[in-house]
Amino acid sequence: MIPLPNLDVIAFLVLATFAVLCGLSVILQKHAVASALSLVGVMGALAVLYLMLGAEFLAAVQMIVYAGAIMVLFVFVIMLLNAGSEQKSNRPRYFAYFAGIPALLVFLGLIANFILRELPNSASVQFGAFTQGGPAPVGRLLFTKYLLPFEVTSLLVLIAIIGAMVLAKKEID
């Protein structure tokens, strides 16, 4: 009899496949709103993976902040800019057809080589064993070790919002 894989492994593979397919949909969609909605699928799959790891607070923050607030902001900016669907170019891009796949394979090979060289003997993940996903450890790290990246990110989001408003105002005038 063939041994069945653990249910955690099956759930992880299903969620990882869903996240990758939604990620591919983000870059392959021709309309910006559909791309943003595909990104919500990626965020949802990541939140469930966080739940599987035992990081309930991180899963809730992922859904509330990223899949909720940030995606609403993205869709608002897309609507504000009145972005339509992508226009297809009339002339073919032969370089992209012939060099794209080999360049992708070389890039993936380099990434795999780097990962295998730098992380040769990493321990396997035990679902539910992570205990640092609560509000206290996350807040402590966020406001001590990662304070500068947190503030820089908030500043970049603010600059992006102001830039979108300036671009939308020029288009209206």
C-alpha atoms as a PDB file:
ATOM      1  CA  MET A   1       0.000   0.000   0.000  1.00  0.00           C
ATOM      2  CA  ILE A   2       1.273   3.483  -0.901  1.00  0.00           C
ATOM      3  CA  PRO A   3       1.634   5.749   2.153  1.00  0.00           C
ATOM      4  CA  LEU A   4      -0.471   8.883   1.931  1.00  0.00           C
ATOM      5  CA  PRO A   5       1.232  12.234   2.437  1.00  0.00           C
ATOM      6  CA  ASN A   6       0.499  14.287   5.494  1.00  0.00           C
ATOM      7  CA  LEU A   7      -2.582  16.539   5.218  1.00  0.00           C
ATOM      8  CA  ASP A   8      -0.406  19.587   6.030  1.00  0.00           C
ATOM      9  CA  VAL A   9       1.751  18.858   2.998  1.00  0.00           C
ATOM     10  CA  ILE A  10      -1.290  18.530   0.732  1.00  0.00           C
ATOM     11  CA  ALA A  11      -2.792  21.789   2.045  1.00  0.00           C
ATOM     12  CA  PHE A  12       0.558  23.551   1.605  1.00  0.00           C
ATOM     13  CA  LEU A  13       0.909  22.320  -1.975  1.00  0.00           C
ATOM     14  CA  VAL A  14      -2.646  23.375  -2.849  1.00  0.00           C
ATOM     15  CA  LEU A  15      -2.181  26.843  -1.327  1.00  0.00           C
ATOM     16  CA  ALA A  16       1.275  27.291  -2.847  1.00  0.00           C
ATOM     17  CA  THR A  17      -0.050  26.319  -6.279  1.00  0.00           C
ATOM     18  CA  PHE A  18      -2.964  28.738  -5.867  1.00  0.00           C
ATOM     19  CA  ALA A  19      -0.591  31.547  -4.826  1.00  0.00           C
ATOM     20  CA  VAL A  20       1.722  30.906  -7.788  1.00  0.00           C
ATOM     21  CA  LEU A  21      -1.190  30.791 -10.247  1.00  0.00           C
ATOM     22  CA  CYS A  22      -2.599  34.037  -8.845  1.00  0.00           C
ATOM     23  CA  GLY A  23       0.883  35.555  -9.050  1.00  0.00           C
ATOM     24  CA  LEU A  24       1.115  34.547 -12.699  1.00  0.00           C
ATOM     25  CA  SER A  25      -2.322  36.038 -13.240  1.00  0.00           C
ATOM     26  CA  VAL A  26      -1.073  39.325 -11.745  1.00  0.00           C
ATOM     27  CA  ILE A  27       1.570  39.681 -14.451  1.00  0.00           C
ATOM     28  CA  LEU A  28      -0.430  38.190 -17.323  1.00  0.00           C
ATOM     29  CA  GLN A  29      -3.670  40.164 -16.932  1.00  0.00           C
ATOM     30  CA  LYS A  30      -4.272  42.923 -19.464  1.00  0.00           C
ATOM     31  CA  HIS A  31      -6.530  44.961 -17.200  1.00  0.00           C
ATOM     32  CA  ALA A  32      -5.096  46.559 -14.041  1.00  0.00           C
ATOM     33  CA  VAL A  33      -8.156  45.901 -11.837  1.00  0.00           C
ATOM     34  CA  ALA A  34      -8.120  42.180 -12.672  1.00  0.00           C
ATOM     35  CA  SER A  35      -4.423  42.136 -11.860  1.00  0.00           C
ATOM     36  CA  ALA A  36      -5.077  43.788  -8.487  1.00  0.00           C
ATOM     37  CA  LEU A  37      -7.803  41.247  -7.710  1.00  0.00           C
ATOM     38  CA  SER A  38      -5.403  38.428  -8.533  1.00  0.00           C
ATOM     39  CA  LEU A  39      -3.022  39.956  -6.020  1.00  0.00           C
ATOM     40  CA  VAL A  40      -5.777  39.640  -3.402  1.00  0.00           C
ATOM     41  CA  GLY A  41      -5.768  35.892  -4.130  1.00  0.00           C
ATOM     42  CA  VAL A  42      -2.026  35.763  -3.452  1.00  0.00           C
ATOM     43  CA  MET A  43      -2.501  37.674  -0.190  1.00  0.00           C
ATOM     44  CA  GLY A  44      -5.299  35.313   0.894  1.00  0.00           C
ATOM     45  CA  ALA A  45      -3.215  32.218   0.186  1.00  0.00           C
ATOM     46  CA  LEU A  46      -0.320  33.697   2.180  1.00  0.00           C
ATOM     47  CA  ALA A  47      -2.644  34.424   5.096  1.00  0.00           C
ATOM     48  CA  VAL A  48      -3.812  30.812   5.185  1.00  0.00           C
ATOM     49  CA  LEU A  49      -0.193  29.633   5.033  1.00  0.00           C
ATOM     50  CA  TYR A  50       0.559  31.876   8.023  1.00  0.00           C
ATOM     51  CA  LEU A  51      -2.357  30.233   9.847  1.00  0.00           C
ATOM     52  CA  MET A  52      -0.925  26.813   9.079  1.00  0.00           C
ATOM     53  CA  LEU A  53       2.402  27.882  10.559  1.00  0.00           C
ATOM     54  CA  GLY A  54       0.721  29.025  13.767  1.00  0.00           C
ATOM     55  CA  ALA A  55       1.102  32.775  13.212  1.00  0.00           C
ATOM     56  CA  GLU A  56      -2.507  33.833  13.698  1.00  0.00           C
ATOM     57  CA  PHE A  57      -1.690  37.507  14.258  1.00  0.00           C
ATOM     58  CA  LEU A  58       0.386  37.691  11.079  1.00  0.00           C
ATOM     59  CA  ALA A  59      -2.450  36.043   9.143  1.00  0.00           C
ATOM     60  CA  ALA A  60      -4.952  38.582  10.463  1.00  0.00           C
ATOM     61  CA  VAL A  61      -2.619  41.487   9.653  1.00  0.00           C
ATOM     62  CA  GLN A  62      -2.033  40.041   6.190  1.00  0.00           C
ATOM     63  CA  MET A  63      -5.768  40.002   5.471  1.00  0.00           C
ATOM     64  CA  ILE A  64      -6.683  43.299   7.131  1.00  0.00           C
ATOM     65  CA  VAL A  65      -3.729  45.451   6.118  1.00  0.00           C
ATOM     66  CA  TYR A  66      -2.531  44.000   2.833  1.00  0.00           C
ATOM     67  CA  ALA A  67      -5.531  42.243   1.288  1.00  0.00           C
ATOM     68  CA  GLY A  68      -7.854  44.889   2.704  1.00  0.00           C
ATOM     69  CA  ALA A  69      -6.394  48.353   3.028  1.00  0.00           C
ATOM     70  CA  ILE A  70      -3.452  48.252   0.621  1.00  0.00           C
ATOM     71  CA  MET A  71      -5.462  46.555  -2.132  1.00  0.00           C
ATOM     72  CA  VAL A  72      -8.280  49.087  -1.699  1.00  0.00           C
ATOM     73  CA  LEU A  73      -5.621  51.784  -2.085  1.00  0.00           C
ATOM     74  CA  PHE A  74      -4.263  50.102  -5.235  1.00  0.00           C
ATOM     75  CA  VAL A  75      -7.719  49.819  -6.778  1.00  0.00           C
ATOM     76  CA  PHE A  76      -8.469  53.436  -5.817  1.00  0.00           C
ATOM     77  CA  VAL A  77      -5.267  54.633  -7.523  1.00  0.00           C
ATOM     78  CA  ILE A  78      -6.039  52.521 -10.592  1.00  0.00           C
ATOM     79  CA  MET A  79      -9.518  54.016 -10.794  1.00  0.00           C
ATOM     80  CA  LEU A  80      -8.153  57.506 -10.138  1.00  0.00           C
ATOM     81  CA  LEU A  81      -5.711  57.139 -13.017  1.00  0.00           C
ATOM     82  CA  ASN A  82      -8.497  55.709 -15.176  1.00  0.00           C
ATOM     83  CA  ALA A  83      -6.267  52.866 -16.332  1.00  0.00           C
ATOM     84  CA  GLY A  84      -7.805  50.890 -19.161  1.00  0.00           C
ATOM     85  CA  SER A  85      -6.701  47.583 -20.554  1.00  0.00           C
ATOM     86  CA  GLU A  86      -3.224  47.213 -21.979  1.00  0.00           C
ATOM     87  CA  GLN A  87      -2.855  48.037 -25.668  1.00  0.00           C
ATOM     88  CA  LYS A  88      -1.189  45.401 -27.807  1.00  0.00           C
ATOM     89  CA  SER A  89       1.744  46.491 -29.947  1.00  0.00           C
ATOM     90  CA  ASN A  90       1.469  45.947 -33.701  1.00  0.00           C
ATOM     91  CA  ARG A  91       5.066  44.936 -34.268  1.00  0.00           C
ATOM     92  CA  PRO A  92       6.285  41.578 -32.951  1.00  0.00           C
ATOM     93  CA  ARG A  93       9.017  41.398 -30.331  1.00  0.00           C
ATOM     94  CA  TYR A  94      11.232  38.591 -31.639  1.00  0.00           C
ATOM     95  CA  PHE A  95      13.932  39.175 -29.044  1.00  0.00           C
ATOM     96  CA  ALA A  96      11.445  38.557 -26.244  1.00  0.00           C
ATOM     97  CA  TYR A  97      10.254  35.339 -27.873  1.00  0.00           C
ATOM     98  CA  PHE A  98      13.696  33.852 -28.484  1.00  0.00           C
ATOM     99  CA  ALA A  99      15.683  35.169 -25.527  1.00  0.00           C
ATOM    100  CA  GLY A 100      12.981  35.283 -22.854  1.00  0.00           C
ATOM    101  CA  ILE A 101      12.690  31.577 -22.046  1.00  0.00           C
ATOM    102  CA  PRO A 102      16.460  30.872 -21.985  1.00  0.00           C
ATOM    103  CA  ALA A 103      17.036  34.001 -19.871  1.00  0.00           C
ATOM    104  CA  LEU A 104      14.314  32.852 -17.473  1.00  0.00           C
ATOM    105  CA  LEU A 105      15.871  29.388 -17.202  1.00  0.00           C
ATOM    106  CA  VAL A 106      19.333  30.862 -16.549  1.00  0.00           C
ATOM    107  CA  PHE A 107      17.870  33.187 -13.907  1.00  0.00           C
ATOM    108  CA  LEU A 108      16.016  30.332 -12.168  1.00  0.00           C
ATOM    109  CA  GLY A 109      19.187  28.215 -12.291  1.00  0.00           C
ATOM    110  CA  LEU A 110      21.214  30.992 -10.675  1.00  0.00           C
ATOM    111  CA  ILE A 111      18.600  31.461  -7.961  1.00  0.00           C
ATOM    112  CA  ALA A 112      18.475  27.695  -7.286  1.00  0.00           C
ATOM    113  CA  ASN A 113      22.291  27.537  -7.171  1.00  0.00           C
ATOM    114  CA  PHE A 114      22.416  30.437  -4.724  1.00  0.00           C
ATOM    115  CA  ILE A 115      19.767  28.881  -2.476  1.00  0.00           C
ATOM    116  CA  LEU A 116      21.421  25.456  -2.463  1.00  0.00           C
ATOM    117  CA  ARG A 117      24.876  26.949  -1.832  1.00  0.00           C
ATOM    118  CA  GLU A 118      23.838  29.323   0.950  1.00  0.00           C
ATOM    119  CA  LEU A 119      21.200  27.161   2.671  1.00  0.00           C
ATOM    120  CA  PRO A 120      22.400  23.585   2.214  1.00  0.00           C
ATOM    121  CA  ASN A 121      21.107  21.937   5.406  1.00  0.00           C
ATOM    122  CA  SER A 122      18.099  23.855   6.619  1.00  0.00           C
ATOM    123  CA  ALA A 123      15.645  22.242   8.994  1.00  0.00           C
ATOM    124  CA  SER A 124      12.219  21.303   7.700  1.00  0.00           C
ATOM    125  CA  VAL A 125       9.178  23.372   8.630  1.00  0.00           C
ATOM    126  CA  GLN A 126       6.936  22.023  11.367  1.00  0.00           C
ATOM    127  CA  PHE A 127       3.431  23.409  10.939  1.00  0.00           C
ATOM    128  CA  GLY A 128       2.106  24.998  14.126  1.00  0.00           C
ATOM    129  CA  ALA A 129       5.531  25.129  15.826  1.00  0.00           C
ATOM    130  CA  PHE A 130       6.090  28.852  15.228  1.00  0.00           C
ATOM    131  CA  THR A 131       5.406  30.846  18.396  1.00  0.00           C
ATOM    132  CA  GLN A 132       6.708  34.324  17.484  1.00  0.00           C
ATOM    133  CA  GLY A 133       3.686  35.416  15.414  1.00  0.00           C
ATOM    134  CA  GLY A 134       1.751  37.138  18.181  1.00  0.00           C
ATOM    135  CA  PRO A 135       1.295  40.887  18.572  1.00  0.00           C
ATOM    136  CA  ALA A 136       3.985  41.363  21.251  1.00  0.00           C
ATOM    137  CA  PRO A 137       6.959  39.802  19.377  1.00  0.00           C
ATOM    138  CA  VAL A 138       5.920  41.395  16.079  1.00  0.00           C
ATOM    139  CA  GLY A 139       5.491  44.827  17.681  1.00  0.00           C
ATOM    140  CA  ARG A 140       8.809  44.541  19.503  1.00  0.00           C
ATOM    141  CA  LEU A 141      10.655  43.743  16.258  1.00  0.00           C
ATOM    142  CA  LEU A 142       8.728  46.315  14.240  1.00  0.00           C
ATOM    143  CA  PHE A 143       9.527  49.196  16.565  1.00  0.00           C
ATOM    144  CA  THR A 144      13.136  48.234  17.366  1.00  0.00           C
ATOM    145  CA  LYS A 145      15.038  46.323  14.702  1.00  0.00           C
ATOM    146  CA  TYR A 146      12.800  47.143  11.715  1.00  0.00           C
ATOM    147  CA  LEU A 147      11.755  50.715  12.576  1.00  0.00           C
ATOM    148  CA  LEU A 148      13.689  52.372   9.720  1.00  0.00           C
ATOM    149  CA  PRO A 149      12.383  50.027   6.958  1.00  0.00           C
ATOM    150  CA  PHE A 150       8.853  50.440   8.358  1.00  0.00           C
ATOM    151  CA  GLU A 151       9.054  54.232   8.230  1.00  0.00           C
ATOM    152  CA  VAL A 152      10.697  54.247   4.773  1.00  0.00           C
ATOM    153  CA  THR A 153       7.924  52.011   3.450  1.00  0.00           C
ATOM    154  CA  SER A 154       5.224  54.292   4.844  1.00  0.00           C
ATOM    155  CA  LEU A 155       6.988  57.277   3.279  1.00  0.00           C
ATOM    156  CA  LEU A 156       7.140  55.512  -0.112  1.00  0.00           C
ATOM    157  CA  VAL A 157       3.416  54.718   0.051  1.00  0.00           C
ATOM    158  CA  LEU A 158       2.678  58.372   0.857  1.00  0.00           C
ATOM    159  CA  ILE A 159       4.841  59.544  -2.080  1.00  0.00           C
ATOM    160  CA  ALA A 160       3.039  57.086  -4.396  1.00  0.00           C
ATOM    161  CA  ILE A 161      -0.363  58.416  -3.320  1.00  0.00           C
ATOM    162  CA  ILE A 162       0.718  62.031  -3.880  1.00  0.00           C
ATOM    163  CA  GLY A 163       2.196  61.107  -7.270  1.00  0.00           C
ATOM    164  CA  ALA A 164      -1.027  59.401  -8.341  1.00  0.00           C
ATOM    165  CA  MET A 165      -3.041  62.445  -7.330  1.00  0.00           C
ATOM    166  CA  VAL A 166      -0.711  64.771  -9.277  1.00  0.00           C
ATOM    167  CA  LEU A 167      -0.930  62.551 -12.363  1.00  0.00           C
ATOM    168  CA  ALA A 168      -4.715  62.360 -12.106  1.00  0.00           C
ATOM    169  CA  LYS A 169      -5.004  66.154 -11.713  1.00  0.00           C
ATOM    170  CA  LYS A 170      -2.876  66.771 -14.854  1.00  0.00           C
ATOM    171  CA  GLU A 171      -5.076  64.378 -16.833  1.00  0.00           C
ATOM    172  CA  ILE A 172      -8.264  66.137 -15.715  1.00  0.00           C
ATOM    173  CA  ASP A 173      -6.914  69.601 -16.655  1.00  0.00           C
END
